[in-house]
Every structure is written in C-alpha cells, then in structure tokens.
Amino acid sequence: ELPVVKAIAVPRWQALERISGDWQTIQQRLQTLRAEQSQAWLEIIYDGAELIGDLRAQLDELIADTRLEILRVKNQRLLTRTLHSTEDAESLDELDPLEVFQRCLDAHEVTADDRPALEMAYREVISELQHADSQAE
C-alpha cells in the first residue's frame, strides 16, 4: 500500500513581519495591518532618504490602540549618517562637551533659529553639573 500525503493545519503561534522601505511604504503597511486588526510582531527597517530623528515615536503613534508590537527598529539612514561621520577617526577625547552637543544638533538637523536657546540651556546644565561635582569633592 502506498503512503498517502495529507495536508494538515499547522498552528501559527505568532505572526512576525519585517517591514522595510521609506516612510510612506512603512506607513501604508502599518495602516493595512491596523485595518486587518493584525497582532503581528514587527521589525521595521527604515531606509528612506529623509532623516527621521523621532522614528520610533512616530511608529508608536501609528500602532497606538492596536495589538501590533514593534520588536525592533533599524534606522538605516541614521546609521549610515553616523558611520560616515565617524570615518574621520575622530575621538570624543578630542572634543569638548559643547562640540559634542553641536555635532548632535548637526546630526539632527536642528535649525539655526533653535540653536542659541538649546546651546544656552546645555551650557546651563553643564555648569550646574560641574558646580555640583565640585561641591561633592
């Protein structure tokens, strides 16, 4: 007697999905999953041209009040930009704290209008920390 092959239902415990692309592609897929009331666990890989500093917050907002869960977010644009900026073999030891802060502002494309207030607040925080540190000694 020949063996018989039968199809059987295989349970899927948890749906996993990787979404990659630019912001519009990711947004459209998340809206589709939301409409389908999906409960998938997600890995998001953003590789768009636009630099999105608050990517995770925007993604969390898109999936609010759903059963979707984002397990991992990779911002390829931010990663690529960070790697290129470190190619100069520059060390943090060579920079003072304000220069590091200014590089951070550059990386997040903070406008020239916003910089003075942010730099003043940063200097104030550094001053307070140095004052507290000198009193601790």
C-alpha atoms as a PDB file:
ATOM      1  CA  GLU A   1       0.000   0.000   0.000  1.00  0.00           C
ATOM      2  CA  LEU A   2       1.343   3.436  -0.977  1.00  0.00           C
ATOM      3  CA  PRO A   3       1.744   6.121   1.668  1.00  0.00           C
ATOM      4  CA  VAL A   4      -0.771   8.926   1.465  1.00  0.00           C
ATOM      5  CA  VAL A   5       0.216  12.535   1.953  1.00  0.00           C
ATOM      6  CA  LYS A   6      -2.415  14.688   3.629  1.00  0.00           C
ATOM      7  CA  ALA A   7      -2.354  18.408   4.251  1.00  0.00           C
ATOM      8  CA  ILE A   8      -2.879  19.313   7.872  1.00  0.00           C
ATOM      9  CA  ALA A   9      -3.385  22.651   9.559  1.00  0.00           C
ATOM     10  CA  VAL A  10      -0.247  23.895  11.283  1.00  0.00           C
ATOM     11  CA  PRO A  11      -0.873  26.410  14.027  1.00  0.00           C
ATOM     12  CA  ARG A  12       0.927  29.699  13.795  1.00  0.00           C
ATOM     13  CA  TRP A  13       1.672  30.921  17.262  1.00  0.00           C
ATOM     14  CA  GLN A  14       2.735  34.434  16.492  1.00  0.00           C
ATOM     15  CA  ALA A  15       2.802  36.302  13.219  1.00  0.00           C
ATOM     16  CA  LEU A  16       6.132  38.002  12.543  1.00  0.00           C
ATOM     17  CA  GLU A  17       6.631  40.620   9.868  1.00  0.00           C
ATOM     18  CA  ARG A  18       9.549  42.657   8.594  1.00  0.00           C
ATOM     19  CA  ILE A  19       8.601  45.971   7.017  1.00  0.00           C
ATOM     20  CA  SER A  20      11.278  47.884   5.161  1.00  0.00           C
ATOM     21  CA  GLY A  21      11.284  50.911   2.946  1.00  0.00           C
ATOM     22  CA  ASP A  22      10.788  54.635   3.027  1.00  0.00           C
ATOM     23  CA  TRP A  23       8.400  56.380   5.425  1.00  0.00           C
ATOM     24  CA  GLN A  24       5.419  56.218   3.035  1.00  0.00           C
ATOM     25  CA  THR A  25       5.864  52.466   2.437  1.00  0.00           C
ATOM     26  CA  ILE A  26       6.147  51.711   6.144  1.00  0.00           C
ATOM     27  CA  GLN A  27       3.197  53.938   6.998  1.00  0.00           C
ATOM     28  CA  GLN A  28       0.964  52.314   4.356  1.00  0.00           C
ATOM     29  CA  ARG A  29       1.824  48.784   5.525  1.00  0.00           C
ATOM     30  CA  LEU A  30       1.164  49.663   9.165  1.00  0.00           C
ATOM     31  CA  GLN A  31      -2.205  51.168   8.211  1.00  0.00           C
ATOM     32  CA  THR A  32      -3.064  47.969   6.333  1.00  0.00           C
ATOM     33  CA  LEU A  33      -2.086  45.800   9.303  1.00  0.00           C
ATOM     34  CA  ARG A  34      -4.091  48.085  11.571  1.00  0.00           C
ATOM     35  CA  ALA A  35      -7.178  47.752   9.329  1.00  0.00           C
ATOM     36  CA  GLU A  36      -6.754  43.958   9.341  1.00  0.00           C
ATOM     37  CA  GLN A  37      -6.569  44.053  13.170  1.00  0.00           C
ATOM     38  CA  SER A  38      -3.301  42.166  12.963  1.00  0.00           C
ATOM     39  CA  GLN A  39      -1.491  41.081  16.114  1.00  0.00           C
ATOM     40  CA  ALA A  40       1.877  40.715  14.398  1.00  0.00           C
ATOM     41  CA  TRP A  41       5.241  41.343  15.963  1.00  0.00           C
ATOM     42  CA  LEU A  42       7.152  43.740  13.754  1.00  0.00           C
ATOM     43  CA  GLU A  43      10.669  44.573  12.702  1.00  0.00           C
ATOM     44  CA  ILE A  44      10.820  47.952  10.981  1.00  0.00           C
ATOM     45  CA  ILE A  45      13.761  48.842   8.734  1.00  0.00           C
ATOM     46  CA  TYR A  46      13.652  52.452   7.575  1.00  0.00           C
ATOM     47  CA  ASP A  47      15.863  53.159   4.571  1.00  0.00           C
ATOM     48  CA  GLY A  48      14.303  56.325   3.185  1.00  0.00           C
ATOM     49  CA  ALA A  49      16.234  59.420   2.130  1.00  0.00           C
ATOM     50  CA  GLU A  50      14.663  61.681   4.760  1.00  0.00           C
ATOM     51  CA  LEU A  51      16.344  61.772   8.160  1.00  0.00           C
ATOM     52  CA  ILE A  52      13.735  60.990  10.831  1.00  0.00           C
ATOM     53  CA  GLY A  53      15.140  61.542  14.305  1.00  0.00           C
ATOM     54  CA  ASP A  54      11.992  60.508  16.183  1.00  0.00           C
ATOM     55  CA  LEU A  55      11.223  57.465  14.048  1.00  0.00           C
ATOM     56  CA  ARG A  56      10.323  55.220  16.988  1.00  0.00           C
ATOM     57  CA  ALA A  57       7.874  57.776  18.405  1.00  0.00           C
ATOM     58  CA  GLN A  58       6.151  58.171  15.033  1.00  0.00           C
ATOM     59  CA  LEU A  59       5.884  54.395  14.637  1.00  0.00           C
ATOM     60  CA  ASP A  60       4.479  54.011  18.151  1.00  0.00           C
ATOM     61  CA  GLU A  61       1.884  56.647  17.331  1.00  0.00           C
ATOM     62  CA  LEU A  62       0.830  54.736  14.202  1.00  0.00           C
ATOM     63  CA  ILE A  63       0.256  51.497  16.112  1.00  0.00           C
ATOM     64  CA  ALA A  64      -1.338  53.050  19.194  1.00  0.00           C
ATOM     65  CA  ASP A  65      -4.519  51.248  20.273  1.00  0.00           C
ATOM     66  CA  THR A  66      -3.686  48.135  18.220  1.00  0.00           C
ATOM     67  CA  ARG A  67      -2.364  44.694  19.072  1.00  0.00           C
ATOM     68  CA  LEU A  68       0.677  45.255  16.845  1.00  0.00           C
ATOM     69  CA  GLU A  69       4.012  45.215  18.643  1.00  0.00           C
ATOM     70  CA  ILE A  70       7.271  46.630  17.329  1.00  0.00           C
ATOM     71  CA  LEU A  71      10.167  44.490  18.488  1.00  0.00           C
ATOM     72  CA  ARG A  72      12.953  46.213  16.584  1.00  0.00           C
ATOM     73  CA  VAL A  73      13.512  49.423  14.646  1.00  0.00           C
ATOM     74  CA  LYS A  74      16.528  49.954  12.399  1.00  0.00           C
ATOM     75  CA  ASN A  75      17.001  53.430  11.009  1.00  0.00           C
ATOM     76  CA  GLN A  76      19.397  52.742   8.137  1.00  0.00           C
ATOM     77  CA  ARG A  77      19.522  56.444   7.226  1.00  0.00           C
ATOM     78  CA  LEU A  78      20.629  57.450  10.732  1.00  0.00           C
ATOM     79  CA  LEU A  79      23.042  54.508  10.925  1.00  0.00           C
ATOM     80  CA  THR A  80      24.643  55.384   7.578  1.00  0.00           C
ATOM     81  CA  ARG A  81      24.953  59.021   8.547  1.00  0.00           C
ATOM     82  CA  THR A  82      26.518  58.137  11.894  1.00  0.00           C
ATOM     83  CA  LEU A  83      29.026  55.765  10.286  1.00  0.00           C
ATOM     84  CA  HIS A  84      30.053  58.379   7.734  1.00  0.00           C
ATOM     85  CA  SER A  85      30.557  60.980  10.432  1.00  0.00           C
ATOM     86  CA  THR A  86      32.906  58.676  12.347  1.00  0.00           C
ATOM     87  CA  GLU A  87      35.062  57.875   9.322  1.00  0.00           C
ATOM     88  CA  ASP A  88      37.296  60.822  10.175  1.00  0.00           C
ATOM     89  CA  ALA A  89      38.715  58.730  13.048  1.00  0.00           C
ATOM     90  CA  GLU A  90      37.907  61.482  15.483  1.00  0.00           C
ATOM     91  CA  SER A  91      37.798  60.645  19.161  1.00  0.00           C
ATOM     92  CA  LEU A  92      35.472  62.040  21.809  1.00  0.00           C
ATOM     93  CA  ASP A  93      38.591  62.811  23.811  1.00  0.00           C
ATOM     94  CA  GLU A  94      39.482  65.405  21.170  1.00  0.00           C
ATOM     95  CA  LEU A  95      36.170  67.257  21.547  1.00  0.00           C
ATOM     96  CA  ASP A  96      34.848  69.328  24.408  1.00  0.00           C
ATOM     97  CA  PRO A  97      31.259  68.719  25.619  1.00  0.00           C
ATOM     98  CA  LEU A  98      29.865  71.707  23.709  1.00  0.00           C
ATOM     99  CA  GLU A  99      31.403  70.457  20.435  1.00  0.00           C
ATOM    100  CA  VAL A 100      29.799  67.051  21.001  1.00  0.00           C
ATOM    101  CA  PHE A 101      26.451  68.758  21.632  1.00  0.00           C
ATOM    102  CA  GLN A 102      26.836  70.861  18.477  1.00  0.00           C
ATOM    103  CA  ARG A 103      27.573  67.720  16.443  1.00  0.00           C
ATOM    104  CA  CYS A 104      24.401  66.211  17.868  1.00  0.00           C
ATOM    105  CA  LEU A 105      22.455  69.286  16.760  1.00  0.00           C
ATOM    106  CA  ASP A 106      24.027  68.965  13.295  1.00  0.00           C
ATOM    107  CA  ALA A 107      23.130  65.281  13.070  1.00  0.00           C
ATOM    108  CA  HIS A 108      19.504  66.039  13.933  1.00  0.00           C
ATOM    109  CA  GLU A 109      19.409  68.993  11.526  1.00  0.00           C
ATOM    110  CA  VAL A 110      18.371  71.500  14.200  1.00  0.00           C
ATOM    111  CA  THR A 111      17.721  74.888  12.606  1.00  0.00           C
ATOM    112  CA  ALA A 112      19.918  77.921  13.243  1.00  0.00           C
ATOM    113  CA  ASP A 113      16.962  79.667  14.903  1.00  0.00           C
ATOM    114  CA  ASP A 114      16.624  76.914  17.529  1.00  0.00           C
ATOM    115  CA  ARG A 115      20.328  76.525  18.283  1.00  0.00           C
ATOM    116  CA  PRO A 116      21.029  79.535  20.558  1.00  0.00           C
ATOM    117  CA  ALA A 117      18.341  78.580  23.090  1.00  0.00           C
ATOM    118  CA  LEU A 118      19.388  74.923  23.071  1.00  0.00           C
ATOM    119  CA  GLU A 119      23.076  75.764  23.443  1.00  0.00           C
ATOM    120  CA  MET A 120      22.329  78.171  26.295  1.00  0.00           C
ATOM    121  CA  ALA A 121      20.264  75.513  28.087  1.00  0.00           C
ATOM    122  CA  TYR A 122      23.034  72.974  27.501  1.00  0.00           C
ATOM    123  CA  ARG A 123      25.691  75.324  28.916  1.00  0.00           C
ATOM    124  CA  GLU A 124      23.485  75.897  31.962  1.00  0.00           C
ATOM    125  CA  VAL A 125      23.134  72.150  32.562  1.00  0.00           C
ATOM    126  CA  ILE A 126      26.895  71.606  32.173  1.00  0.00           C
ATOM    127  CA  SER A 127      27.587  74.473  34.569  1.00  0.00           C
ATOM    128  CA  GLU A 128      25.202  73.030  37.163  1.00  0.00           C
ATOM    129  CA  LEU A 129      26.790  69.587  36.823  1.00  0.00           C
ATOM    130  CA  GLN A 130      30.292  70.994  37.221  1.00  0.00           C
ATOM    131  CA  HIS A 131      29.195  73.043  40.238  1.00  0.00           C
ATOM    132  CA  ALA A 132      27.531  70.017  41.869  1.00  0.00           C
ATOM    133  CA  ASP A 133      30.614  67.913  41.114  1.00  0.00           C
ATOM    134  CA  SER A 134      32.979  70.444  42.699  1.00  0.00           C
ATOM    135  CA  GLN A 135      30.832  70.545  45.845  1.00  0.00           C
ATOM    136  CA  ALA A 136      30.846  66.746  46.051  1.00  0.00           C
ATOM    137  CA  GLU A 137      34.626  66.776  46.412  1.00  0.00           C
END
